[in-house]
Protein backbone atom coordinates (compact mmCIF):
# COMPACT_ATOMS: atom_id res chain seq x y z
CA MET A 1 -16.51 4.67 9.42
CA VAL A 2 -16.50 6.14 12.89
CA GLU A 3 -13.14 7.37 14.16
CA ASN A 4 -12.44 6.55 17.77
CA THR A 5 -9.47 8.21 19.45
CA ASP A 6 -9.86 6.22 22.68
CA THR A 7 -7.76 3.09 22.14
CA ALA A 8 -9.31 1.34 25.14
CA GLN A 9 -12.68 1.33 23.32
CA PHE A 10 -11.33 0.24 19.94
CA SER A 11 -12.80 -2.99 18.55
CA PHE A 12 -11.22 -4.83 15.63
CA VAL A 13 -14.40 -6.89 15.25
CA GLU A 14 -16.54 -3.77 14.91
CA MET A 15 -14.08 -2.27 12.45
CA GLU A 16 -14.11 -5.47 10.37
CA HIS A 17 -17.91 -5.45 10.25
CA GLU A 18 -17.89 -1.82 9.11
CA ILE A 19 -15.41 -2.61 6.35
CA LEU A 20 -17.39 -5.65 5.20
CA LYS A 21 -20.59 -3.57 5.12
CA PHE A 22 -18.81 -0.91 3.07
CA TRP A 23 -17.58 -3.57 0.62
CA GLU A 24 -21.10 -4.98 0.29
CA ASP A 25 -22.70 -1.55 -0.13
CA THR A 26 -20.25 -0.46 -2.83
CA GLY A 27 -19.86 -3.86 -4.55
CA THR A 28 -16.09 -3.71 -4.16
CA PHE A 29 -15.44 -7.42 -4.51
CA GLN A 30 -17.59 -7.79 -7.61
CA LYS A 31 -15.92 -4.74 -9.15
CA SER A 32 -12.50 -6.31 -8.57
CA LEU A 33 -13.67 -9.50 -10.29
CA ASP A 34 -15.10 -7.53 -13.22
CA ASN A 35 -11.88 -5.52 -13.61
CA THR A 36 -9.75 -8.66 -13.88
CA LYS A 37 -12.15 -10.90 -15.83
CA GLU A 38 -10.24 -10.71 -19.12
CA LYS A 39 -6.75 -10.65 -17.62
CA LYS A 40 -4.28 -13.42 -16.94
CA PRO A 41 -4.82 -14.90 -13.44
CA TYR A 42 -2.40 -13.85 -10.74
CA ILE A 43 -1.27 -16.69 -8.50
CA PHE A 44 0.35 -15.89 -5.18
CA TYR A 45 2.37 -18.58 -3.43
CA GLU A 46 3.03 -17.75 0.19
CA GLN A 47 6.56 -18.73 1.15
CA ASP A 48 9.03 -17.70 3.79
CA TYR A 49 12.04 -15.55 2.97
CA LEU A 50 14.55 -18.40 2.95
CA THR A 51 12.51 -20.45 0.49
CA THR A 52 12.27 -17.65 -2.05
CA ALA A 53 15.81 -16.35 -1.47
CA ILE A 54 17.71 -19.58 -2.13
CA TRP A 55 14.89 -21.68 -3.66
CA LEU A 56 15.27 -24.44 -1.09
CA PRO A 57 12.94 -25.27 1.80
CA ALA A 58 14.04 -23.78 5.08
CA PRO A 59 15.21 -26.63 7.37
CA LEU A 60 13.10 -25.51 10.34
CA ARG A 61 10.00 -25.09 8.19
CA THR A 62 10.48 -28.56 6.69
CA LEU A 63 11.02 -30.06 10.14
CA CYS A 64 7.82 -28.42 11.41
CA ARG A 65 5.83 -29.79 8.49
CA VAL A 66 7.16 -33.30 9.09
CA THR A 67 6.84 -33.38 12.88
CA GLY A 68 3.95 -30.98 13.41
CA PRO A 69 3.85 -27.66 15.26
């Protein structure tokens, strides 16, 4: 990966393409699948802080889901 110290020339898109190429070249994703093949699946539920802290839906989040953004 090329290091660029000039922030005006930095490109997130270019960096993402470099990372994806690296993953493809090294087989990173397949290795991660192989390493976890025999293990119990890990399930991640994305929730806001209030939902996980008190186990109730946050009022604003519920309102947004009902009425839209």
